[in-house]
Amino acid sequence: MGLFDFFTKKEKIRIFDLFNISKKWTDIYLNRNPKMSNFKSYYAEILLFNSWAAYFYCHSENKIQDDDPNKFVKSLYSQLKACVDIEDSYIHTLISMRVKLYKEEIESLLRSDYPRTKQYIPFRLYCALEINPFVLRPTIGIDSDDISFDDALTEWVEELCNYWNFIMRDIQDKC
């Protein structure tokens, strides 16, 4: 341990604090991208995404105080249950499906060279966060000739990349 490590070393973050951070991010996301209908479902979906993003980062950096994934999932379940009134089994199924979706989409986003190459289009993430929140298998019926959809998706991907950069800077400052 170096002489100045005492001043820079941060304590590990608690799971409770991850949710406080995620709620703050959710409010910021929805202020930038307001939803007029089905607000509770949008809020819950964005909170779910933000919670997993915070957990993925802090877990990979070994920065969580009590890093028990089961404790995190139980806490996440409680957070979501407080947002929306849906059957317990539905929320459990949704959490397990979303962890896979979010992890794949986040990893793809990190591997891509967007916006320089514009090769990565997170279509499934777009459907979950923007079109059909809190639906087990979110999709959108689109006509392949619908150019307005392409514009909306492209604009959203740009916003998502900016938002992702913001939350990564924020979590790095806190962990």
Foldseek 3Di string as FASTA:
>chain_A
DDPCCVVVDDAFAELVVLLVLLLVLLVVVCVVPPDDPPVLLLSLLSSLLSSLVLLVVSVVVVRYDPPDVVVNVVVNLVVSVVRDPDDSVLSVLQSVQVNVLSVVLVVVVVPDPPPVVPPDQSQQVCQCNPNDDSDNRGDDDDDPPPVVVVVVSVVVVVVVVVSSVVSVVVSVVVD
